[in-house]
């Protein structure tokens, strides 16, 4: 029987220059590599179908390591004026960016 283990979510931000990818996690399958495969697919899809080159996301404290493995950094260089108000600010979360 097939089951859905994650559902990617992507929000375009201002002129499609950036995006906020999100992948819900399920601890039962977190070591299987599905999250990495889905994130890579999501980034590739966005790069092929939009003009996006920068991805921003909020990582909770347990997900920072995962996003670092995906190439994200805490050093935000994307102009804040372009994304402020479009990305939800999570208390206890860390804003991270990847540029491709």
Protein backbone atom coordinates (compact mmCIF):
# COMPACT_ATOMS: atom_id res chain seq x y z
CA UNK A 1 0.00 0.00 0.00
CA UNK A 2 1.35 3.42 -0.91
CA UNK A 3 1.17 6.21 1.62
CA UNK A 4 1.92 9.91 1.50
CA UNK A 5 4.88 10.71 3.72
CA UNK A 6 5.32 14.38 2.95
CA UNK A 7 3.77 17.15 0.94
CA UNK A 8 6.01 19.95 -0.31
CA UNK A 9 4.80 23.50 -0.02
CA UNK A 10 6.27 26.38 -1.98
CA UNK A 11 5.36 30.05 -1.82
CA UNK A 12 6.55 32.50 -4.49
CA UNK A 13 7.91 35.76 -3.17
CA UNK A 14 8.08 39.04 -5.15
CA UNK A 15 8.71 38.64 -8.86
CA UNK A 16 9.50 34.95 -8.42
CA UNK A 17 13.10 35.79 -7.50
CA UNK A 18 12.89 33.78 -4.32
CA UNK A 19 10.80 31.13 -2.69
CA UNK A 20 10.09 29.53 0.64
CA UNK A 21 10.20 25.73 0.45
CA UNK A 22 8.66 23.76 3.31
CA UNK A 23 8.57 20.05 3.90
CA UNK A 24 6.60 18.66 6.83
CA UNK A 25 8.51 15.97 8.67
CA UNK A 26 7.50 12.62 10.06
CA UNK A 27 9.98 11.21 12.56
CA UNK A 28 9.11 7.65 11.52
CA UNK A 29 10.61 8.17 8.05
CA UNK A 30 13.14 10.92 8.74
CA UNK A 31 16.15 8.64 8.36
CA UNK A 32 14.99 7.20 5.03
CA UNK A 33 16.19 10.19 2.98
CA UNK A 34 12.75 11.09 1.64
CA UNK A 35 13.00 14.68 2.88
CA UNK A 36 16.29 15.21 1.04
CA UNK A 37 14.90 13.71 -2.15
CA UNK A 38 11.77 15.84 -1.95
CA UNK A 39 13.73 19.02 -1.20
CA UNK A 40 16.10 18.37 -4.11
CA UNK A 41 13.14 17.70 -6.41
CA UNK A 42 11.37 20.85 -5.18
CA UNK A 43 14.46 23.06 -5.66
CA UNK A 44 15.11 21.59 -9.12
CA UNK A 45 11.47 22.05 -10.15
CA UNK A 46 11.43 25.66 -8.99
CA UNK A 47 14.73 26.43 -10.74
CA UNK A 48 13.50 24.91 -14.01
CA UNK A 49 10.07 26.54 -13.96
CA UNK A 50 10.61 29.99 -12.42
CA UNK A 51 13.29 32.67 -12.29
CA UNK A 52 13.93 31.90 -8.61
CA UNK A 53 17.56 31.64 -7.54
CA UNK A 54 17.23 32.13 -3.79
CA UNK A 55 15.32 30.05 -1.28
CA UNK A 56 14.45 31.19 2.24
CA UNK A 57 12.93 29.07 4.99
CA UNK A 58 12.46 29.06 8.72
CA UNK A 59 13.98 26.00 10.33
CA UNK A 60 12.96 24.96 13.80
CA UNK A 61 15.82 24.12 16.14
CA UNK A 62 15.61 20.41 15.26
CA UNK A 63 15.76 21.04 11.50
CA UNK A 64 18.80 23.35 11.29
CA UNK A 65 21.16 20.42 10.66
CA UNK A 66 18.92 19.09 7.90
CA UNK A 67 18.81 22.44 6.12
CA UNK A 68 22.60 22.86 6.47
CA UNK A 69 23.00 19.48 4.73
CA UNK A 70 20.75 20.84 1.97
CA UNK A 71 23.11 23.80 1.47
CA UNK A 72 21.19 26.39 3.50
CA UNK A 73 23.02 28.91 5.68
CA UNK A 74 22.05 31.27 8.49
CA UNK A 75 23.86 34.10 6.65
CA UNK A 76 21.00 35.90 4.90
CA UNK A 77 22.13 38.02 1.95
CA UNK A 78 18.78 38.32 0.19
CA UNK A 79 17.37 41.86 0.50
CA UNK A 80 14.99 41.83 3.48
CA UNK A 81 12.73 44.41 1.82
CA UNK A 82 11.86 41.83 -0.84
CA UNK A 83 10.71 39.10 1.53
CA UNK A 84 9.57 40.77 4.77
CA UNK A 85 5.87 40.15 5.26
CA UNK A 86 5.85 37.21 2.83
CA UNK A 87 7.57 34.69 5.07
CA UNK A 88 5.99 33.92 8.42
CA UNK A 89 8.35 34.68 11.31
CA UNK A 90 8.39 31.66 13.60
CA UNK A 91 9.28 32.06 17.25
CA UNK A 92 11.97 29.52 18.01
CA UNK A 93 12.85 29.22 14.33
CA UNK A 94 15.95 30.26 12.42
CA UNK A 95 15.75 31.95 9.02
CA UNK A 96 17.98 30.17 6.51
CA UNK A 97 18.87 30.79 2.86
CA UNK A 98 20.28 28.86 -0.05
CA UNK A 99 21.32 30.42 -3.37
CA UNK A 100 21.48 28.33 -6.55
